[in-house]
Full PDB file with SEQRES, HELIX, SHEET, SSBOND, CRYST1, ORIGX, SCALE, CONECT and MASTER records, all heavy atoms in Angstrom:
SEQRES   1 A   45  GLN ALA GLY GLY SER LEU ARG LEU SER CYS ALA ALA SER          
SEQRES   2 A   45  GLY ILE ILE VAL SER LEU SER THR MET GLY TRP TYR ARG          
SEQRES   3 A   45  GLN ALA PRO GLY LYS GLN ARG GLU LEU VAL ALA ASP ILE          
SEQRES   4 A   45  THR SER GLY GLY SER ALA                                      
HELIX    1 AA1 VAL A   17  LEU A   19  5                                   3    
SHEET    1 AA1 2 MET A  22  ARG A  26  0                                        
SHEET    2 AA1 2 GLU A  34  ILE A  39 -1                                        
CRYST1    1.000    1.000    1.000  90.00  90.00  90.00 P 1           1          
ORIGX1      1.000000  0.000000  0.000000        0.00000                         
ORIGX2      0.000000  1.000000  0.000000        0.00000                         
ORIGX3      0.000000  0.000000  1.000000        0.00000                         
SCALE1      1.000000  0.000000  0.000000        0.00000                         
SCALE2      0.000000  1.000000  0.000000        0.00000                         
SCALE3      0.000000  0.000000  1.000000        0.00000                         
ATOM      1  N   GLN A   1    -163.307  48.667  61.841  1.00  0.00           N  
ATOM      2  CA  GLN A   1    -164.501  49.225  61.232  1.00  0.00           C  
ATOM      3  C   GLN A   1    -165.622  49.314  62.261  1.00  0.00           C  
ATOM      4  O   GLN A   1    -165.690  48.522  63.202  1.00  0.00           O  
ATOM      5  CB  GLN A   1    -164.927  48.350  60.052  1.00  0.00           C  
ATOM      6  CG  GLN A   1    -166.068  48.898  59.228  1.00  0.00           C  
ATOM      7  CD  GLN A   1    -166.376  48.021  58.024  1.00  0.00           C  
ATOM      8  OE1 GLN A   1    -165.529  47.260  57.565  1.00  0.00           O  
ATOM      9  NE2 GLN A   1    -167.595  48.130  57.517  1.00  0.00           N  
ATOM     10  N   ALA A   2    -166.500  50.291  62.089  1.00  0.00           N  
ATOM     11  CA  ALA A   2    -167.654  50.413  62.968  1.00  0.00           C  
ATOM     12  C   ALA A   2    -168.417  49.092  63.030  1.00  0.00           C  
ATOM     13  O   ALA A   2    -168.632  48.436  62.009  1.00  0.00           O  
ATOM     14  CB  ALA A   2    -168.570  51.529  62.493  1.00  0.00           C  
ATOM     15  N   GLY A   3    -168.813  48.724  64.241  1.00  0.00           N  
ATOM     16  CA  GLY A   3    -169.481  47.451  64.462  1.00  0.00           C  
ATOM     17  C   GLY A   3    -168.550  46.320  64.826  1.00  0.00           C  
ATOM     18  O   GLY A   3    -169.019  45.256  65.257  1.00  0.00           O  
ATOM     19  N   GLY A   4    -167.266  46.538  64.680  1.00  0.00           N  
ATOM     20  CA  GLY A   4    -166.285  45.524  64.997  1.00  0.00           C  
ATOM     21  C   GLY A   4    -165.945  45.478  66.472  1.00  0.00           C  
ATOM     22  O   GLY A   4    -166.543  46.174  67.297  1.00  0.00           O  
ATOM     23  N   SER A   5    -164.952  44.649  66.798  1.00  0.00           N  
ATOM     24  CA  SER A   5    -164.570  44.416  68.183  1.00  0.00           C  
ATOM     25  C   SER A   5    -163.063  44.500  68.361  1.00  0.00           C  
ATOM     26  O   SER A   5    -162.293  44.214  67.438  1.00  0.00           O  
ATOM     27  CB  SER A   5    -165.036  43.030  68.645  1.00  0.00           C  
ATOM     28  OG  SER A   5    -166.446  42.910  68.609  1.00  0.00           O  
ATOM     29  N   LEU A   6    -162.666  44.891  69.553  1.00  0.00           N  
ATOM     30  CA  LEU A   6    -161.281  44.864  69.982  1.00  0.00           C  
ATOM     31  C   LEU A   6    -161.238  44.427  71.435  1.00  0.00           C  
ATOM     32  O   LEU A   6    -162.190  44.657  72.187  1.00  0.00           O  
ATOM     33  CB  LEU A   6    -160.606  46.231  69.863  1.00  0.00           C  
ATOM     34  CG  LEU A   6    -160.211  46.740  68.487  1.00  0.00           C  
ATOM     35  CD1 LEU A   6    -159.721  48.185  68.604  1.00  0.00           C  
ATOM     36  CD2 LEU A   6    -159.122  45.865  67.876  1.00  0.00           C  
ATOM     37  N   ARG A   7    -160.129  43.838  71.813  1.00  0.00           N  
ATOM     38  CA  ARG A   7    -159.908  43.482  73.210  1.00  0.00           C  
ATOM     39  C   ARG A   7    -158.600  44.104  73.675  1.00  0.00           C  
ATOM     40  O   ARG A   7    -157.529  43.762  73.173  1.00  0.00           O  
ATOM     41  CB  ARG A   7    -159.847  41.970  73.395  1.00  0.00           C  
ATOM     42  CG  ARG A   7    -159.865  41.539  74.870  1.00  0.00           C  
ATOM     43  CD  ARG A   7    -159.513  40.077  75.022  1.00  0.00           C  
ATOM     44  NE  ARG A   7    -159.848  39.564  76.347  1.00  0.00           N  
ATOM     45  CZ  ARG A   7    -159.290  38.477  76.883  1.00  0.00           C  
ATOM     46  NH1 ARG A   7    -158.391  37.784  76.201  1.00  0.00           N  
ATOM     47  NH2 ARG A   7    -159.666  38.076  78.088  1.00  0.00           N  
ATOM     48  N   LEU A   8    -158.695  45.016  74.622  1.00  0.00           N  
ATOM     49  CA  LEU A   8    -157.524  45.647  75.196  1.00  0.00           C  
ATOM     50  C   LEU A   8    -157.050  44.859  76.409  1.00  0.00           C  
ATOM     51  O   LEU A   8    -157.857  44.343  77.183  1.00  0.00           O  
ATOM     52  CB  LEU A   8    -157.827  47.083  75.621  1.00  0.00           C  
ATOM     53  CG  LEU A   8    -158.401  48.018  74.562  1.00  0.00           C  
ATOM     54  CD1 LEU A   8    -158.561  49.424  75.145  1.00  0.00           C  
ATOM     55  CD2 LEU A   8    -157.535  48.050  73.316  1.00  0.00           C  
ATOM     56  N   SER A   9    -155.738  44.798  76.565  1.00  0.00           N  
ATOM     57  CA  SER A   9    -155.133  44.148  77.718  1.00  0.00           C  
ATOM     58  C   SER A   9    -154.177  45.118  78.392  1.00  0.00           C  
ATOM     59  O   SER A   9    -153.546  45.944  77.736  1.00  0.00           O  
ATOM     60  CB  SER A   9    -154.370  42.886  77.305  1.00  0.00           C  
ATOM     61  OG  SER A   9    -155.223  41.928  76.732  1.00  0.00           O  
ATOM     62  N   CYS A  10    -154.066  44.993  79.692  1.00  0.00           N  
ATOM     63  CA  CYS A  10    -153.130  45.790  80.468  1.00  0.00           C  
ATOM     64  C   CYS A  10    -152.488  44.882  81.497  1.00  0.00           C  
ATOM     65  O   CYS A  10    -153.163  44.423  82.423  1.00  0.00           O  
ATOM     66  CB  CYS A  10    -153.846  46.962  81.139  1.00  0.00           C  
ATOM     67  SG  CYS A  10    -152.815  47.925  82.255  1.00  0.00           S  
ATOM     68  N   ALA A  11    -151.205  44.624  81.320  1.00  0.00           N  
ATOM     69  CA  ALA A  11    -150.454  43.753  82.214  1.00  0.00           C  
ATOM     70  C   ALA A  11    -149.623  44.595  83.164  1.00  0.00           C  
ATOM     71  O   ALA A  11    -148.822  45.426  82.726  1.00  0.00           O  
ATOM     72  CB  ALA A  11    -149.565  42.812  81.414  1.00  0.00           C  
ATOM     73  N   ALA A  12    -149.805  44.370  84.447  1.00  0.00           N  
ATOM     74  CA  ALA A  12    -149.114  45.142  85.467  1.00  0.00           C  
ATOM     75  C   ALA A  12    -147.952  44.355  86.047  1.00  0.00           C  
ATOM     76  O   ALA A  12    -148.016  43.133  86.200  1.00  0.00           O  
ATOM     77  CB  ALA A  12    -150.077  45.535  86.582  1.00  0.00           C  
ATOM     78  N   SER A  13    -146.898  45.063  86.374  1.00  0.00           N  
ATOM     79  CA  SER A  13    -145.767  44.489  87.083  1.00  0.00           C  
ATOM     80  C   SER A  13    -145.352  45.441  88.194  1.00  0.00           C  
ATOM     81  O   SER A  13    -145.585  46.645  88.116  1.00  0.00           O  
ATOM     82  CB  SER A  13    -144.592  44.209  86.144  1.00  0.00           C  
ATOM     83  OG  SER A  13    -144.121  45.406  85.550  1.00  0.00           O  
ATOM     84  N   GLY A  14    -144.739  44.890  89.221  1.00  0.00           N  
ATOM     85  CA  GLY A  14    -144.296  45.701  90.339  1.00  0.00           C  
ATOM     86  C   GLY A  14    -145.381  46.074  91.323  1.00  0.00           C  
ATOM     87  O   GLY A  14    -145.147  46.900  92.215  1.00  0.00           O  
ATOM     88  N   ILE A  15    -146.560  45.480  91.163  1.00  0.00           N  
ATOM     89  CA  ILE A  15    -147.674  45.768  92.047  1.00  0.00           C  
ATOM     90  C   ILE A  15    -148.590  44.556  92.083  1.00  0.00           C  
ATOM     91  O   ILE A  15    -148.730  43.854  91.075  1.00  0.00           O  
ATOM     92  CB  ILE A  15    -148.432  47.033  91.598  1.00  0.00           C  
ATOM     93  CG1 ILE A  15    -149.472  47.443  92.637  1.00  0.00           C  
ATOM     94  CG2 ILE A  15    -149.071  46.824  90.229  1.00  0.00           C  
ATOM     95  CD1 ILE A  15    -150.121  48.776  92.342  1.00  0.00           C  
ATOM     96  N   ILE A  16    -149.196  44.309  93.221  1.00  0.00           N  
ATOM     97  CA  ILE A  16    -150.173  43.237  93.362  1.00  0.00           C  
ATOM     98  C   ILE A  16    -151.544  43.853  93.152  1.00  0.00           C  
ATOM     99  O   ILE A  16    -152.074  44.543  94.024  1.00  0.00           O  
ATOM    100  CB  ILE A  16    -150.087  42.555  94.726  1.00  0.00           C  
ATOM    101  CG1 ILE A  16    -148.670  42.044  94.984  1.00  0.00           C  
ATOM    102  CG2 ILE A  16    -151.103  41.426  94.826  1.00  0.00           C  
ATOM    103  CD1 ILE A  16    -148.209  41.018  93.968  1.00  0.00           C  
ATOM    104  N   VAL A  17    -152.127  43.596  92.004  1.00  0.00           N  
ATOM    105  CA  VAL A  17    -153.363  44.277  91.626  1.00  0.00           C  
ATOM    106  C   VAL A  17    -154.591  43.684  92.286  1.00  0.00           C  
ATOM    107  O   VAL A  17    -155.668  44.283  92.213  1.00  0.00           O  
ATOM    108  CB  VAL A  17    -153.548  44.290  90.100  1.00  0.00           C  
ATOM    109  CG1 VAL A  17    -152.371  44.979  89.431  1.00  0.00           C  
ATOM    110  CG2 VAL A  17    -153.730  42.876  89.561  1.00  0.00           C  
ATOM    111  N   SER A  18    -154.459  42.538  92.926  1.00  0.00           N  
ATOM    112  CA  SER A  18    -155.607  41.920  93.575  1.00  0.00           C  
ATOM    113  C   SER A  18    -156.193  42.795  94.670  1.00  0.00           C  
ATOM    114  O   SER A  18    -157.350  42.613  95.053  1.00  0.00           O  
ATOM    115  CB  SER A  18    -155.237  40.553  94.140  1.00  0.00           C  
ATOM    116  OG  SER A  18    -154.231  40.664  95.135  1.00  0.00           O  
ATOM    117  N   LEU A  19    -155.426  43.737  95.170  1.00  0.00           N  
ATOM    118  CA  LEU A  19    -155.885  44.641  96.216  1.00  0.00           C  
ATOM    119  C   LEU A  19    -156.380  45.974  95.665  1.00  0.00           C  
ATOM    120  O   LEU A  19    -156.720  46.870  96.444  1.00  0.00           O  
ATOM    121  CB  LEU A  19    -154.758  44.896  97.219  1.00  0.00           C  
ATOM    122  CG  LEU A  19    -154.176  43.666  97.919  1.00  0.00           C  
ATOM    123  CD1 LEU A  19    -153.017  44.076  98.814  1.00  0.00           C  
ATOM    124  CD2 LEU A  19    -155.250  42.943  98.719  1.00  0.00           C  
ATOM    125  N   SER A  20    -156.430  46.109  94.351  1.00  0.00           N  
ATOM    126  CA  SER A  20    -156.651  47.397  93.728  1.00  0.00           C  
ATOM    127  C   SER A  20    -157.873  47.408  92.826  1.00  0.00           C  
ATOM    128  O   SER A  20    -158.272  46.385  92.275  1.00  0.00           O  
ATOM    129  CB  SER A  20    -155.434  47.794  92.896  1.00  0.00           C  
ATOM    130  OG  SER A  20    -154.245  47.769  93.660  1.00  0.00           O  
ATOM    131  N   THR A  21    -158.433  48.601  92.691  1.00  0.00           N  
ATOM    132  CA  THR A  21    -159.393  48.845  91.626  1.00  0.00           C  
ATOM    133  C   THR A  21    -158.620  49.102  90.334  1.00  0.00           C  
ATOM    134  O   THR A  21    -157.640  49.843  90.330  1.00  0.00           O  
ATOM    135  CB  THR A  21    -160.285  50.044  91.959  1.00  0.00           C  
ATOM    136  OG1 THR A  21    -161.092  49.726  93.104  1.00  0.00           O  
ATOM    137  CG2 THR A  21    -161.199  50.389  90.794  1.00  0.00           C  
ATOM    138  N   MET A  22    -159.069  48.501  89.244  1.00  0.00           N  
ATOM    139  CA  MET A  22    -158.440  48.675  87.950  1.00  0.00           C  
ATOM    140  C   MET A  22    -159.468  49.232  86.975  1.00  0.00           C  
ATOM    141  O   MET A  22    -160.657  48.903  87.069  1.00  0.00           O  
ATOM    142  CB  MET A  22    -157.872  47.360  87.426  1.00  0.00           C  
ATOM    143  CG  MET A  22    -156.936  46.672  88.411  1.00  0.00           C  
ATOM    144  SD  MET A  22    -156.280  45.089  87.815  1.00  0.00           S  
ATOM    145  CE  MET A  22    -155.126  45.682  86.568  1.00  0.00           C  
ATOM    146  N   GLY A  23    -159.006  50.062  86.056  1.00  0.00           N  
ATOM    147  CA  GLY A  23    -159.948  50.676  85.147  1.00  0.00           C  
ATOM    148  C   GLY A  23    -159.340  51.085  83.829  1.00  0.00           C  
ATOM    149  O   GLY A  23    -158.126  51.011  83.621  1.00  0.00           O  
ATOM    150  N   TRP A  24    -160.228  51.503  82.940  1.00  0.00           N  
ATOM    151  CA  TRP A  24    -159.850  52.025  81.640  1.00  0.00           C  
ATOM    152  C   TRP A  24    -160.429  53.423  81.476  1.00  0.00           C  
ATOM    153  O   TRP A  24    -161.613  53.649  81.740  1.00  0.00           O  
ATOM    154  CB  TRP A  24    -160.360  51.130  80.509  1.00  0.00           C  
ATOM    155  CG  TRP A  24    -159.680  49.803  80.441  1.00  0.00           C  
ATOM    156  CD1 TRP A  24    -160.075  48.637  81.007  1.00  0.00           C  
ATOM    157  CD2 TRP A  24    -158.461  49.514  79.744  1.00  0.00           C  
ATOM    158  NE1 TRP A  24    -159.192  47.632  80.721  1.00  0.00           N  
ATOM    159  CE2 TRP A  24    -158.189  48.146  79.944  1.00  0.00           C  
ATOM    160  CE3 TRP A  24    -157.582  50.274  78.973  1.00  0.00           C  
ATOM    161  CZ2 TRP A  24    -157.066  47.518  79.396  1.00  0.00           C  
ATOM    162  CZ3 TRP A  24    -156.465  49.652  78.437  1.00  0.00           C  
ATOM    163  CH2 TRP A  24    -156.226  48.297  78.650  1.00  0.00           C  
ATOM    164  N   TYR A  25    -159.585  54.336  81.052  1.00  0.00           N  
ATOM    165  CA  TYR A  25    -159.973  55.692  80.721  1.00  0.00           C  
ATOM    166  C   TYR A  25    -159.688  55.932  79.247  1.00  0.00           C  
ATOM    167  O   TYR A  25    -158.907  55.206  78.630  1.00  0.00           O  
ATOM    168  CB  TYR A  25    -159.190  56.706  81.556  1.00  0.00           C  
ATOM    169  CG  TYR A  25    -159.537  56.727  83.031  1.00  0.00           C  
ATOM    170  CD1 TYR A  25    -159.185  55.683  83.873  1.00  0.00           C  
ATOM    171  CD2 TYR A  25    -160.209  57.817  83.588  1.00  0.00           C  
ATOM    172  CE1 TYR A  25    -159.501  55.701  85.227  1.00  0.00           C  
ATOM    173  CE2 TYR A  25    -160.517  57.849  84.940  1.00  0.00           C  
ATOM    174  CZ  TYR A  25    -160.158  56.796  85.747  1.00  0.00           C  
ATOM    175  OH  TYR A  25    -160.467  56.833  87.093  1.00  0.00           O  
ATOM    176  N   ARG A  26    -160.302  56.950  78.692  1.00  0.00           N  
ATOM    177  CA  ARG A  26    -160.008  57.306  77.312  1.00  0.00           C  
ATOM    178  C   ARG A  26    -160.028  58.816  77.149  1.00  0.00           C  
ATOM    179  O   ARG A  26    -160.701  59.531  77.891  1.00  0.00           O  
ATOM    180  CB  ARG A  26    -160.986  56.654  76.333  1.00  0.00           C  
ATOM    181  CG  ARG A  26    -162.412  57.155  76.423  1.00  0.00           C  
ATOM    182  CD  ARG A  26    -163.314  56.333  75.511  1.00  0.00           C  
ATOM    183  NE  ARG A  26    -164.707  56.771  75.578  1.00  0.00           N  
ATOM    184  CZ  ARG A  26    -165.712  56.137  75.000  1.00  0.00           C  
ATOM    185  NH1 ARG A  26    -165.487  55.023  74.302  1.00  0.00           N  
ATOM    186  NH2 ARG A  26    -166.953  56.612  75.108  1.00  0.00           N  
ATOM    187  N   GLN A  27    -159.287  59.275  76.167  1.00  0.00           N  
ATOM    188  CA  GLN A  27    -159.240  60.688  75.854  1.00  0.00           C  
ATOM    189  C   GLN A  27    -159.254  60.863  74.341  1.00  0.00           C  
ATOM    190  O   GLN A  27    -158.354  60.398  73.648  1.00  0.00           O  
ATOM    191  CB  GLN A  27    -158.003  61.354  76.453  1.00  0.00           C  
ATOM    192  CG  GLN A  27    -157.996  62.864  76.301  1.00  0.00           C  
ATOM    193  CD  GLN A  27    -156.929  63.525  77.155  1.00  0.00           C  
ATOM    194  OE1 GLN A  27    -155.953  62.892  77.551  1.00  0.00           O  
ATOM    195  NE2 GLN A  27    -157.108  64.801  77.445  1.00  0.00           N  
ATOM    196  N   ALA A  28    -160.290  61.521  73.864  1.00  0.00           N  
ATOM    197  CA  ALA A  28    -160.414  61.844  72.454  1.00  0.00           C  
ATOM    198  C   ALA A  28    -159.883  63.249  72.206  1.00  0.00           C  
ATOM    199  O   ALA A  28    -159.820  64.070  73.132  1.00  0.00           O  
ATOM    200  CB  ALA A  28    -161.871  61.745  72.010  1.00  0.00           C  
ATOM    201  N   PRO A  29    -159.495  63.561  70.969  1.00  0.00           N  
ATOM    202  CA  PRO A  29    -158.987  64.904  70.669  1.00  0.00           C  
ATOM    203  C   PRO A  29    -159.972  65.988  71.080  1.00  0.00           C  
ATOM    204  O   PRO A  29    -161.161  65.915  70.757  1.00  0.00           O  
ATOM    205  CB  PRO A  29    -158.788  64.875  69.155  1.00  0.00           C  
ATOM    206  CG  PRO A  29    -158.542  63.438  68.842  1.00  0.00           C  
ATOM    207  CD  PRO A  29    -159.430  62.683  69.789  1.00  0.00           C  
ATOM    208  N   GLY A  30    -159.476  66.982  71.801  1.00  0.00           N  
ATOM    209  CA  GLY A  30    -160.299  68.098  72.220  1.00  0.00           C  
ATOM    210  C   GLY A  30    -161.224  67.819  73.384  1.00  0.00           C  
ATOM    211  O   GLY A  30    -162.033  68.687  73.734  1.00  0.00           O  
ATOM    212  N   LYS A  31    -161.130  66.649  73.987  1.00  0.00           N  
ATOM    213  CA  LYS A  31    -162.009  66.285  75.086  1.00  0.00           C  
ATOM    214  C   LYS A  31    -161.197  65.911  76.321  1.00  0.00           C  
ATOM    215  O   LYS A  31    -160.014  65.588  76.239  1.00  0.00           O  
ATOM    216  CB  LYS A  31    -162.920  65.118  74.692  1.00  0.00           C  
ATOM    217  CG  LYS A  31    -163.829  65.411  73.515  1.00  0.00           C  
ATOM    218  CD  LYS A  31    -164.732  64.237  73.202  1.00  0.00           C  
ATOM    219  CE  LYS A  31    -165.761  64.011  74.285  1.00  0.00           C  
ATOM    220  NZ  LYS A  31    -166.715  62.920  73.935  1.00  0.00           N  
ATOM    221  N   GLN A  32    -161.857  65.964  77.467  1.00  0.00           N  
ATOM    222  CA  GLN A  32    -161.233  65.567  78.718  1.00  0.00           C  
ATOM    223  C   GLN A  32    -161.144  64.051  78.824  1.00  0.00           C  
ATOM    224  O   GLN A  32    -161.949  63.326  78.239  1.00  0.00           O  
ATOM    225  CB  GLN A  32    -162.021  66.124  79.902  1.00  0.00           C  
ATOM    226  CG  GLN A  32    -162.081  67.641  79.968  1.00  0.00           C  
ATOM    227  CD  GLN A  32    -160.725  68.239  80.229  1.00  0.00           C  
ATOM    228  OE1 GLN A  32    -160.028  67.845  81.165  1.00  0.00           O  
ATOM    229  NE2 GLN A  32    -160.338  69.195  79.407  1.00  0.00           N  
ATOM    230  N   ARG A  33    -160.160  63.591  79.581  1.00  0.00           N  
ATOM    231  CA  ARG A  33    -160.065  62.173  79.847  1.00  0.00           C  
ATOM    232  C   ARG A  33    -161.260  61.738  80.694  1.00  0.00           C  
ATOM    233  O   ARG A  33    -161.634  62.407  81.659  1.00  0.00           O  
ATOM    234  CB  ARG A  33    -158.757  61.860  80.568  1.00  0.00           C  
ATOM    235  CG  ARG A  33    -158.500  60.379  80.770  1.00  0.00           C  
ATOM    236  CD  ARG A  33    -157.130  60.117  81.368  1.00  0.00           C  
ATOM    237  NE  ARG A  33    -156.061  60.577  80.497  1.00  0.00           N  
ATOM    238  CZ  ARG A  33    -154.768  60.360  80.719  1.00  0.00           C  
ATOM    239  NH1 ARG A  33    -154.385  59.677  81.778  1.00  0.00           N  
ATOM    240  NH2 ARG A  33    -153.862  60.838  79.873  1.00  0.00           N  
ATOM    241  N   GLU A  34    -161.864  60.621  80.327  1.00  0.00           N  
ATOM    242  CA  GLU A  34    -163.036  60.141  81.028  1.00  0.00           C  
ATOM    243  C   GLU A  34    -162.892  58.671  81.398  1.00  0.00           C  
ATOM    244  O   GLU A  34    -162.214  57.901  80.709  1.00  0.00           O  
ATOM    245  CB  GLU A  34    -164.301  60.330  80.177  1.00  0.00           C  
ATOM    246  CG  GLU A  34    -164.327  59.491  78.913  1.00  0.00           C  
ATOM    247  CD  GLU A  34    -165.627  59.617  78.135  1.00  0.00           C  
ATOM    248  OE1 GLU A  34    -166.529  60.340  78.592  1.00  0.00           O  
ATOM    249  OE2 GLU A  34    -165.741  58.993  77.055  1.00  0.00           O  
ATOM    250  N   LEU A  35    -163.553  58.305  82.473  1.00  0.00           N  
ATOM    251  CA  LEU A  35    -163.593  56.910  82.892  1.00  0.00           C  
ATOM    252  C   LEU A  35    -164.520  56.135  81.972  1.00  0.00           C  
ATOM    253  O   LEU A  35    -165.677  56.518  81.775  1.00  0.00           O  
ATOM    254  CB  LEU A  35    -164.072  56.807  84.338  1.00  0.00           C  
ATOM    255  CG  LEU A  35    -164.273  55.387  84.877  1.00  0.00           C  
ATOM    256  CD1 LEU A  35    -162.937  54.659  84.982  1.00  0.00           C  
ATOM    257  CD2 LEU A  35    -164.971  55.421  86.230  1.00  0.00           C  
ATOM    258  N   VAL A  36    -164.020  55.041  81.416  1.00  0.00           N  
ATOM    259  CA  VAL A  36    -164.814  54.162  80.582  1.00  0.00           C  
ATOM    260  C   VAL A  36    -165.431  53.045  81.413  1.00  0.00           C  
ATOM    261  O   VAL A  36    -166.629  52.766  81.323  1.00  0.00           O  
ATOM    262  CB  VAL A  36    -163.970  53.571  79.439  1.00  0.00           C  
ATOM    263  CG1 VAL A  36    -164.798  52.615  78.589  1.00  0.00           C  
ATOM    264  CG2 VAL A  36    -163.381  54.680  78.578  1.00  0.00           C  
ATOM    265  N   ALA A  37    -164.603  52.400  82.210  1.00  0.00           N  
ATOM    266  CA  ALA A  37    -165.051  51.295  83.051  1.00  0.00           C  
ATOM    267  C   ALA A  37    -164.029  51.049  84.137  1.00  0.00           C  
ATOM    268  O   ALA A  37    -162.845  51.324  83.949  1.00  0.00           O  
ATOM    269  CB  ALA A  37    -165.257  50.022  82.227  1.00  0.00           C  
ATOM    270  N   ASP A  38    -164.477  50.544  85.258  1.00  0.00           N  
ATOM    271  CA  ASP A  38    -163.550  50.073  86.262  1.00  0.00           C  
ATOM    272  C   ASP A  38    -164.115  48.847  86.960  1.00  0.00           C  
ATOM    273  O   ASP A  38    -165.297  48.527  86.826  1.00  0.00           O  
ATOM    274  CB  ASP A  38    -163.126  51.162  87.255  1.00  0.00           C  
ATOM    275  CG  ASP A  38    -164.239  51.686  88.149  1.00  0.00           C  
ATOM    276  OD1 ASP A  38    -165.298  51.040  88.275  1.00  0.00           O  
ATOM    277  OD2 ASP A  38    -164.039  52.767  88.749  1.00  0.00           O  
ATOM    278  N   ILE A  39    -163.243  48.164  87.690  1.00  0.00           N  
ATOM    279  CA  ILE A  39    -163.624  46.933  88.360  1.00  0.00           C  
ATOM    280  C   ILE A  39    -162.874  46.861  89.678  1.00  0.00           C  
ATOM    281  O   ILE A  39    -161.664  47.059  89.733  1.00  0.00           O  
ATOM    282  CB  ILE A  39    -163.352  45.701  87.460  1.00  0.00           C  
ATOM    283  CG1 ILE A  39    -163.826  44.413  88.130  1.00  0.00           C  
ATOM    284  CG2 ILE A  39    -161.882  45.616  87.053  1.00  0.00           C  
ATOM    285  CD1 ILE A  39    -163.874  43.233  87.169  1.00  0.00           C  
ATOM    286  N   THR A  40    -163.594  46.598  90.744  1.00  0.00           N  
ATOM    287  CA  THR A  40    -163.002  46.556  92.066  1.00  0.00           C  
ATOM    288  C   THR A  40    -162.303  45.227  92.302  1.00  0.00           C  
ATOM    289  O   THR A  40    -162.415  44.284  91.513  1.00  0.00           O  
ATOM    290  CB  THR A  40    -164.057  46.763  93.157  1.00  0.00           C  
ATOM    291  OG1 THR A  40    -164.928  45.624  93.199  1.00  0.00           O  
ATOM    292  CG2 THR A  40    -164.873  48.022  92.900  1.00  0.00           C  
ATOM    293  N   SER A  41    -161.578  45.160  93.412  1.00  0.00           N  
ATOM    294  CA  SER A  41    -160.908  43.917  93.775  1.00  0.00           C  
ATOM    295  C   SER A  41    -161.900  42.782  93.982  1.00  0.00           C  
ATOM    296  O   SER A  41    -161.546  41.612  93.804  1.00  0.00           O  
ATOM    297  CB  SER A  41    -160.059  44.121  95.032  1.00  0.00           C  
ATOM    298  OG  SER A  41    -160.852  44.522  96.134  1.00  0.00           O  
ATOM    299  N   GLY A  42    -163.136  43.122  94.349  1.00  0.00           N  
ATOM    300  CA  GLY A  42    -164.172  42.124  94.528  1.00  0.00           C  
ATOM    301  C   GLY A  42    -164.909  41.744  93.265  1.00  0.00           C  
ATOM    302  O   GLY A  42    -165.785  40.877  93.309  1.00  0.00           O  
ATOM    303  N   GLY A  43    -164.590  42.389  92.141  1.00  0.00           N  
ATOM    304  CA  GLY A  43    -165.192  42.041  90.870  1.00  0.00           C  
ATOM    305  C   GLY A  43    -166.397  42.864  90.467  1.00  0.00           C  
ATOM    306  O   GLY A  43    -167.045  42.549  89.461  1.00  0.00           O  
ATOM    307  N   SER A  44    -166.718  43.910  91.220  1.00  0.00           N  
ATOM    308  CA  SER A  44    -167.841  44.767  90.862  1.00  0.00           C  
ATOM    309  C   SER A  44    -167.413  45.758  89.788  1.00  0.00           C  
ATOM    310  O   SER A  44    -166.439  46.490  89.964  1.00  0.00           O  
ATOM    311  CB  SER A  44    -168.354  45.517  92.085  1.00  0.00           C  
ATOM    312  OG  SER A  44    -168.865  44.615  93.052  1.00  0.00           O  
ATOM    313  N   ALA A  45    -168.164  45.806  88.698  1.00  0.00           N  
ATOM    314  CA  ALA A  45    -167.824  46.642  87.562  1.00  0.00           C  
ATOM    315  C   ALA A  45    -168.827  47.764  87.377  1.00  0.00           C  
ATOM    316  O   ALA A  45    -170.010  47.623  87.688  1.00  0.00           O  
ATOM    317  CB  ALA A  45    -167.748  45.808  86.289  1.00  0.00           C  
TER     318      ALA A  45                                                      
MASTER        0    0    0    1    2    0    0    6  317    1    0    4          
END                                                                             
């Protein structure tokens, strides 16, 4: 419901993500995929 909360998780295998930027994108119907958030290996979001 609007106003509520969710927590998404993404577990990676086959790659060491500590060296990588990781992020979340989203795509709504009729819209382009967009960057929601990302975080660098150093923790900058």
